[in-house]
Amino acid sequence: MTALLVATIACIAANGFIAVADYLKAGFVLQNSSEVHVPERALPYLATLKLAGAIGLVAGLAVLHGSVSPRPSGW
């Protein structure tokens, strides 16, 4: 379980970092996206998806560790 937790936290950090880099249009992001013919106008949308992935991983950890109930109270 510890290895899974470490891997999940690493994925959260990586997704968060690259999402911020996409939003800021960092030089390496612009270079990589132009090499694979991704238009610059698509970067904010891609960044939002990456950030949503990071948020989903955080939510999954919260449910897994019992911080948040997966069902509404009263069920």
PDB file of N, CA and C in Angstrom:
ATOM      1  N   MET A   1       0.822  -1.199   0.000  1.00  0.00           N
ATOM      2  CA  MET A   1       0.000   0.000   0.000  1.00  0.00           C
ATOM      3  C   MET A   1       0.861   1.256   0.000  1.00  0.00           C
ATOM      4  N   THR A   2       2.006   1.198   0.624  1.00  0.00           N
ATOM      5  CA  THR A   2       2.873   2.371   0.684  1.00  0.00           C
ATOM      6  C   THR A   2       3.386   2.755  -0.703  1.00  0.00           C
ATOM      7  N   ALA A   3       3.761   1.767  -1.516  1.00  0.00           N
ATOM      8  CA  ALA A   3       4.248   2.059  -2.867  1.00  0.00           C
ATOM      9  C   ALA A   3       3.145   2.700  -3.707  1.00  0.00           C
ATOM     10  N   LEU A   4       1.926   2.220  -3.550  1.00  0.00           N
ATOM     11  CA  LEU A   4       0.799   2.795  -4.280  1.00  0.00           C
ATOM     12  C   LEU A   4       0.556   4.244  -3.851  1.00  0.00           C
ATOM     13  N   LEU A   5       0.662   4.490  -2.571  1.00  0.00           N
ATOM     14  CA  LEU A   5       0.477   5.851  -2.065  1.00  0.00           C
ATOM     15  C   LEU A   5       1.549   6.783  -2.618  1.00  0.00           C
ATOM     16  N   VAL A   6       2.790   6.340  -2.607  1.00  0.00           N
ATOM     17  CA  VAL A   6       3.898   7.156  -3.124  1.00  0.00           C
ATOM     18  C   VAL A   6       3.706   7.415  -4.621  1.00  0.00           C
ATOM     19  N   ALA A   7       3.326   6.388  -5.377  1.00  0.00           N
ATOM     20  CA  ALA A   7       3.108   6.557  -6.815  1.00  0.00           C
ATOM     21  C   ALA A   7       1.958   7.515  -7.087  1.00  0.00           C
ATOM     22  N   THR A   8       0.897   7.420  -6.299  1.00  0.00           N
ATOM     23  CA  THR A   8      -0.253   8.307  -6.490  1.00  0.00           C
ATOM     24  C   THR A   8       0.121   9.752  -6.182  1.00  0.00           C
ATOM     25  N   ILE A   9       0.861   9.955  -5.118  1.00  0.00           N
ATOM     26  CA  ILE A   9       1.295  11.313  -4.766  1.00  0.00           C
ATOM     27  C   ILE A   9       2.222  11.877  -5.840  1.00  0.00           C
ATOM     28  N   ALA A  10       3.099  11.033  -6.384  1.00  0.00           N
ATOM     29  CA  ALA A  10       3.975  11.477  -7.471  1.00  0.00           C
ATOM     30  C   ALA A  10       3.158  11.868  -8.702  1.00  0.00           C
ATOM     31  N   CYS A  11       2.130  11.112  -9.000  1.00  0.00           N
ATOM     32  CA  CYS A  11       1.257  11.436 -10.145  1.00  0.00           C
ATOM     33  C   CYS A  11       0.495  12.735  -9.914  1.00  0.00           C
ATOM     34  N   ILE A  12       0.045  12.954  -8.695  1.00  0.00           N
ATOM     35  CA  ILE A  12      -0.652  14.202  -8.367  1.00  0.00           C
ATOM     36  C   ILE A  12       0.286  15.384  -8.584  1.00  0.00           C
ATOM     37  N   ALA A  13       1.515  15.264  -8.087  1.00  0.00           N
ATOM     38  CA  ALA A  13       2.495  16.344  -8.237  1.00  0.00           C
ATOM     39  C   ALA A  13       2.829  16.583  -9.709  1.00  0.00           C
ATOM     40  N   ALA A  14       3.034  15.510 -10.461  1.00  0.00           N
ATOM     41  CA  ALA A  14       3.386  15.649 -11.880  1.00  0.00           C
ATOM     42  C   ALA A  14       2.247  16.283 -12.672  1.00  0.00           C
ATOM     43  N   ASN A  15       1.020  15.816 -12.446  1.00  0.00           N
ATOM     44  CA  ASN A  15      -0.133  16.387 -13.153  1.00  0.00           C
ATOM     45  C   ASN A  15      -0.330  17.849 -12.783  1.00  0.00           C
ATOM     46  N   GLY A  16      -0.186  18.163 -11.502  1.00  0.00           N
ATOM     47  CA  GLY A  16      -0.328  19.549 -11.062  1.00  0.00           C
ATOM     48  C   GLY A  16       0.736  20.447 -11.668  1.00  0.00           C
ATOM     49  N   PHE A  17       1.974  19.966 -11.683  1.00  0.00           N
ATOM     50  CA  PHE A  17       3.077  20.763 -12.237  1.00  0.00           C
ATOM     51  C   PHE A  17       2.867  21.037 -13.717  1.00  0.00           C
ATOM     52  N   ILE A  18       2.550  19.998 -14.481  1.00  0.00           N
ATOM     53  CA  ILE A  18       2.419  20.187 -15.920  1.00  0.00           C
ATOM     54  C   ILE A  18       1.179  21.000 -16.260  1.00  0.00           C
ATOM     55  N   ALA A  19       0.130  20.903 -15.441  1.00  0.00           N
ATOM     56  CA  ALA A  19      -1.059  21.735 -15.672  1.00  0.00           C
ATOM     57  C   ALA A  19      -0.720  23.213 -15.503  1.00  0.00           C
ATOM     58  N   VAL A  20       0.023  23.531 -14.447  1.00  0.00           N
ATOM     59  CA  VAL A  20       0.435  24.923 -14.227  1.00  0.00           C
ATOM     60  C   VAL A  20       1.343  25.392 -15.361  1.00  0.00           C
ATOM     61  N   ALA A  21       2.264  24.530 -15.787  1.00  0.00           N
ATOM     62  CA  ALA A  21       3.151  24.881 -16.901  1.00  0.00           C
ATOM     63  C   ALA A  21       2.352  25.130 -18.180  1.00  0.00           C
ATOM     64  N   ASP A  22       1.318  24.337 -18.405  1.00  0.00           N
ATOM     65  CA  ASP A  22       0.459  24.547 -19.574  1.00  0.00           C
ATOM     66  C   ASP A  22      -0.284  25.876 -19.480  1.00  0.00           C
ATOM     67  N   TYR A  23      -0.833  26.171 -18.305  1.00  0.00           N
ATOM     68  CA  TYR A  23      -1.550  27.440 -18.129  1.00  0.00           C
ATOM     69  C   TYR A  23      -0.623  28.633 -18.339  1.00  0.00           C
ATOM     70  N   LEU A  24       0.616  28.524 -17.867  1.00  0.00           N
ATOM     71  CA  LEU A  24       1.579  29.627 -17.994  1.00  0.00           C
ATOM     72  C   LEU A  24       2.260  29.657 -19.357  1.00  0.00           C
ATOM     73  N   LYS A  25       2.009  28.647 -20.172  1.00  0.00           N
ATOM     74  CA  LYS A  25       2.624  28.512 -21.498  1.00  0.00           C
ATOM     75  C   LYS A  25       4.145  28.588 -21.399  1.00  0.00           C
ATOM     76  N   ALA A  26       4.686  27.723 -20.559  1.00  0.00           N
ATOM     77  CA  ALA A  26       6.135  27.645 -20.360  1.00  0.00           C
ATOM     78  C   ALA A  26       6.814  27.301 -21.684  1.00  0.00           C
ATOM     79  N   GLY A  27       8.062  27.693 -21.801  1.00  0.00           N
ATOM     80  CA  GLY A  27       8.802  27.493 -23.035  1.00  0.00           C
ATOM     81  C   GLY A  27       8.853  26.047 -23.490  1.00  0.00           C
ATOM     82  N   PHE A  28       9.129  25.136 -22.557  1.00  0.00           N
ATOM     83  CA  PHE A  28       9.212  23.723 -22.942  1.00  0.00           C
ATOM     84  C   PHE A  28       7.859  23.178 -23.380  1.00  0.00           C
ATOM     85  N   VAL A  29       6.778  23.720 -22.829  1.00  0.00           N
ATOM     86  CA  VAL A  29       5.436  23.288 -23.235  1.00  0.00           C
ATOM     87  C   VAL A  29       5.152  23.751 -24.660  1.00  0.00           C
ATOM     88  N   LEU A  30       5.477  24.996 -24.954  1.00  0.00           N
ATOM     89  CA  LEU A  30       5.254  25.519 -26.298  1.00  0.00           C
ATOM     90  C   LEU A  30       6.094  24.773 -27.328  1.00  0.00           C
ATOM     91  N   GLN A  31       7.334  24.459 -26.965  1.00  0.00           N
ATOM     92  CA  GLN A  31       8.216  23.741 -27.886  1.00  0.00           C
ATOM     93  C   GLN A  31       7.679  22.333 -28.156  1.00  0.00           C
ATOM     94  N   ASN A  32       7.325  21.618 -27.084  1.00  0.00           N
ATOM     95  CA  ASN A  32       6.813  20.257 -27.262  1.00  0.00           C
ATOM     96  C   ASN A  32       5.506  20.238 -28.029  1.00  0.00           C
ATOM     97  N   SER A  33       4.618  21.172 -27.718  1.00  0.00           N
ATOM     98  CA  SER A  33       3.321  21.174 -28.395  1.00  0.00           C
ATOM     99  C   SER A  33       3.461  21.529 -29.871  1.00  0.00           C
ATOM    100  N   SER A  34       4.395  22.398 -30.200  1.00  0.00           N
ATOM    101  CA  SER A  34       4.582  22.722 -31.621  1.00  0.00           C
ATOM    102  C   SER A  34       5.196  21.545 -32.377  1.00  0.00           C
ATOM    103  N   GLU A  35       6.039  20.755 -31.715  1.00  0.00           N
ATOM    104  CA  GLU A  35       6.645  19.589 -32.364  1.00  0.00           C
ATOM    105  C   GLU A  35       5.605  18.531 -32.728  1.00  0.00           C
ATOM    106  N   VAL A  36       4.541  18.453 -31.943  1.00  0.00           N
ATOM    107  CA  VAL A  36       3.498  17.448 -32.218  1.00  0.00           C
ATOM    108  C   VAL A  36       2.237  18.092 -32.810  1.00  0.00           C
ATOM    109  N   HIS A  37       2.365  19.336 -33.251  1.00  0.00           N
ATOM    110  CA  HIS A  37       1.305  20.060 -33.960  1.00  0.00           C
ATOM    111  C   HIS A  37       0.047  20.265 -33.123  1.00  0.00           C
ATOM    112  N   VAL A  38       0.234  20.584 -31.840  1.00  0.00           N
ATOM    113  CA  VAL A  38      -0.892  20.949 -30.979  1.00  0.00           C
ATOM    114  C   VAL A  38      -0.970  22.472 -30.977  1.00  0.00           C
ATOM    115  N   PRO A  39      -2.100  23.042 -31.374  1.00  0.00           N
ATOM    116  CA  PRO A  39      -2.197  24.505 -31.401  1.00  0.00           C
ATOM    117  C   PRO A  39      -2.125  25.098 -29.996  1.00  0.00           C
ATOM    118  N   GLU A  40      -1.523  26.263 -29.913  1.00  0.00           N
ATOM    119  CA  GLU A  40      -1.356  26.930 -28.612  1.00  0.00           C
ATOM    120  C   GLU A  40      -2.697  27.213 -27.947  1.00  0.00           C
ATOM    121  N   ARG A  41      -3.720  27.445 -28.726  1.00  0.00           N
ATOM    122  CA  ARG A  41      -5.053  27.733 -28.156  1.00  0.00           C
ATOM    123  C   ARG A  41      -5.645  26.528 -27.427  1.00  0.00           C
ATOM    124  N   ALA A  42      -5.108  25.333 -27.671  1.00  0.00           N
ATOM    125  CA  ALA A  42      -5.614  24.122 -27.013  1.00  0.00           C
ATOM    126  C   ALA A  42      -4.999  23.906 -25.632  1.00  0.00           C
ATOM    127  N   LEU A  43      -3.924  24.607 -25.317  1.00  0.00           N
ATOM    128  CA  LEU A  43      -3.218  24.370 -24.059  1.00  0.00           C
ATOM    129  C   LEU A  43      -4.072  24.574 -22.808  1.00  0.00           C
ATOM    130  N   PRO A  44      -4.863  25.639 -22.718  1.00  0.00           N
ATOM    131  CA  PRO A  44      -5.689  25.784 -21.510  1.00  0.00           C
ATOM    132  C   PRO A  44      -6.678  24.631 -21.310  1.00  0.00           C
ATOM    133  N   TYR A  45      -7.214  24.107 -22.395  1.00  0.00           N
ATOM    134  CA  TYR A  45      -8.144  22.982 -22.282  1.00  0.00           C
ATOM    135  C   TYR A  45      -7.425  21.725 -21.802  1.00  0.00           C
ATOM    136  N   LEU A  46      -6.251  21.492 -22.355  1.00  0.00           N
ATOM    137  CA  LEU A  46      -5.461  20.340 -21.927  1.00  0.00           C
ATOM    138  C   LEU A  46      -5.021  20.489 -20.471  1.00  0.00           C
ATOM    139  N   ALA A  47      -4.658  21.702 -20.086  1.00  0.00           N
ATOM    140  CA  ALA A  47      -4.248  21.956 -18.702  1.00  0.00           C
ATOM    141  C   ALA A  47      -5.405  21.683 -17.744  1.00  0.00           C
ATOM    142  N   THR A  48      -6.603  22.054 -18.132  1.00  0.00           N
ATOM    143  CA  THR A  48      -7.775  21.812 -17.295  1.00  0.00           C
ATOM    144  C   THR A  48      -8.008  20.318 -17.105  1.00  0.00           C
ATOM    145  N   LEU A  49      -7.830  19.544 -18.166  1.00  0.00           N
ATOM    146  CA  LEU A  49      -7.987  18.098 -18.056  1.00  0.00           C
ATOM    147  C   LEU A  49      -6.924  17.491 -17.150  1.00  0.00           C
ATOM    148  N   LYS A  50      -5.705  17.970 -17.252  1.00  0.00           N
ATOM    149  CA  LYS A  50      -4.624  17.466 -16.395  1.00  0.00           C
ATOM    150  C   LYS A  50      -4.892  17.820 -14.935  1.00  0.00           C
ATOM    151  N   LEU A  51      -5.368  19.030 -14.702  1.00  0.00           N
ATOM    152  CA  LEU A  51      -5.691  19.450 -13.336  1.00  0.00           C
ATOM    153  C   LEU A  51      -6.857  18.634 -12.786  1.00  0.00           C
ATOM    154  N   ALA A  52      -7.828  18.344 -13.626  1.00  0.00           N
ATOM    155  CA  ALA A  52      -8.949  17.501 -13.195  1.00  0.00           C
ATOM    156  C   ALA A  52      -8.465  16.111 -12.812  1.00  0.00           C
ATOM    157  N   GLY A  53      -7.485  15.598 -13.537  1.00  0.00           N
ATOM    158  CA  GLY A  53      -6.899  14.306 -13.185  1.00  0.00           C
ATOM    159  C   GLY A  53      -6.240  14.339 -11.822  1.00  0.00           C
ATOM    160  N   ALA A  54      -5.501  15.411 -11.542  1.00  0.00           N
ATOM    161  CA  ALA A  54      -4.857  15.546 -10.231  1.00  0.00           C
ATOM    162  C   ALA A  54      -5.901  15.637  -9.124  1.00  0.00           C
ATOM    163  N   ILE A  55      -6.951  16.397  -9.363  1.00  0.00           N
ATOM    164  CA  ILE A  55      -8.020  16.529  -8.364  1.00  0.00           C
ATOM    165  C   ILE A  55      -8.712  15.191  -8.139  1.00  0.00           C
ATOM    166  N   GLY A  56      -8.916  14.439  -9.203  1.00  0.00           N
ATOM    167  CA  GLY A  56      -9.518  13.117  -9.078  1.00  0.00           C
ATOM    168  C   GLY A  56      -8.662  12.173  -8.252  1.00  0.00           C
ATOM    169  N   LEU A  57      -7.360  12.238  -8.434  1.00  0.00           N
ATOM    170  CA  LEU A  57      -6.461  11.406  -7.627  1.00  0.00           C
ATOM    171  C   LEU A  57      -6.511  11.804  -6.152  1.00  0.00           C
ATOM    172  N   VAL A  58      -6.556  13.107  -5.885  1.00  0.00           N
ATOM    173  CA  VAL A  58      -6.662  13.572  -4.499  1.00  0.00           C
ATOM    174  C   VAL A  58      -7.974  13.091  -3.885  1.00  0.00           C
ATOM    175  N   ALA A  59      -9.061  13.189  -4.638  1.00  0.00           N
ATOM    176  CA  ALA A  59     -10.358  12.718  -4.138  1.00  0.00           C
ATOM    177  C   ALA A  59     -10.319  11.216  -3.873  1.00  0.00           C
ATOM    178  N   GLY A  60      -9.681  10.475  -4.760  1.00  0.00           N
ATOM    179  CA  GLY A  60      -9.560   9.039  -4.551  1.00  0.00           C
ATOM    180  C   GLY A  60      -8.780   8.698  -3.306  1.00  0.00           C
ATOM    181  N   LEU A  61      -7.717   9.432  -3.050  1.00  0.00           N
ATOM    182  CA  LEU A  61      -6.950   9.209  -1.819  1.00  0.00           C
ATOM    183  C   LEU A  61      -7.784   9.535  -0.590  1.00  0.00           C
ATOM    184  N   ALA A  62      -8.546  10.611  -0.667  1.00  0.00           N
ATOM    185  CA  ALA A  62      -9.368  11.002   0.478  1.00  0.00           C
ATOM    186  C   ALA A  62     -10.396   9.919   0.800  1.00  0.00           C
ATOM    187  N   VAL A  63     -11.013   9.337  -0.208  1.00  0.00           N
ATOM    188  CA  VAL A  63     -11.991   8.272   0.010  1.00  0.00           C
ATOM    189  C   VAL A  63     -11.297   7.013   0.506  1.00  0.00           C
ATOM    190  N   LEU A  64     -10.160   6.693  -0.099  1.00  0.00           N
ATOM    191  CA  LEU A  64      -9.427   5.491   0.263  1.00  0.00           C
ATOM    192  C   LEU A  64      -8.981   5.509   1.726  1.00  0.00           C
ATOM    193  N   HIS A  65      -8.565   6.668   2.180  1.00  0.00           N
ATOM    194  CA  HIS A  65      -8.065   6.774   3.546  1.00  0.00           C
ATOM    195  C   HIS A  65      -9.143   7.171   4.551  1.00  0.00           C
ATOM    196  N   GLY A  66     -10.383   7.194   4.120  1.00  0.00           N
ATOM    197  CA  GLY A  66     -11.489   7.410   5.035  1.00  0.00           C
ATOM    198  C   GLY A  66     -11.741   8.848   5.433  1.00  0.00           C
ATOM    199  N   SER A  67     -11.052   9.794   4.797  1.00  0.00           N
ATOM    200  CA  SER A  67     -11.284  11.200   5.132  1.00  0.00           C
ATOM    201  C   SER A  67     -12.633  11.676   4.639  1.00  0.00           C
ATOM    202  N   VAL A  68     -13.099  11.067   3.556  1.00  0.00           N
ATOM    203  CA  VAL A  68     -14.361  11.458   2.942  1.00  0.00           C
ATOM    204  C   VAL A  68     -15.162  10.186   2.680  1.00  0.00           C
ATOM    205  N   SER A  69     -16.430  10.234   2.979  1.00  0.00           N
ATOM    206  CA  SER A  69     -17.291   9.081   2.708  1.00  0.00           C
ATOM    207  C   SER A  69     -17.693   9.083   1.239  1.00  0.00           C
ATOM    208  N   PRO A  70     -17.646   7.940   0.563  1.00  0.00           N
ATOM    209  CA  PRO A  70     -18.044   7.916  -0.837  1.00  0.00           C
ATOM    210  C   PRO A  70     -19.538   8.104  -1.032  1.00  0.00           C
ATOM    211  N   ARG A  71     -20.334   7.948   0.016  1.00  0.00           N
ATOM    212  CA  ARG A  71     -21.791   8.108  -0.061  1.00  0.00           C
ATOM    213  C   ARG A  71     -22.223   9.275   0.798  1.00  0.00           C
ATOM    214  N   PRO A  72     -23.272   9.967   0.385  1.00  0.00           N
ATOM    215  CA  PRO A  72     -23.801  11.051   1.235  1.00  0.00           C
ATOM    216  C   PRO A  72     -24.297  10.506   2.566  1.00  0.00           C
ATOM    217  N   SER A  73     -24.245  11.331   3.592  1.00  0.00           N
ATOM    218  CA  SER A  73     -24.738  10.879   4.903  1.00  0.00           C
ATOM    219  C   SER A  73     -26.230  10.600   4.813  1.00  0.00           C
ATOM    220  N   GLY A  74     -26.668   9.639   5.584  1.00  0.00           N
ATOM    221  CA  GLY A  74     -28.067   9.265   5.576  1.00  0.00           C
ATOM    222  C   GLY A  74     -28.360   8.067   4.695  1.00  0.00           C
ATOM    223  N   TRP A  75     -27.361   7.568   3.994  1.00  0.00           N
ATOM    224  CA  TRP A  75     -27.561   6.392   3.145  1.00  0.00           C
ATOM    225  C   TRP A  75     -27.421   5.150   3.954  1.00  0.00           C
TER     226      TRP A  75
END
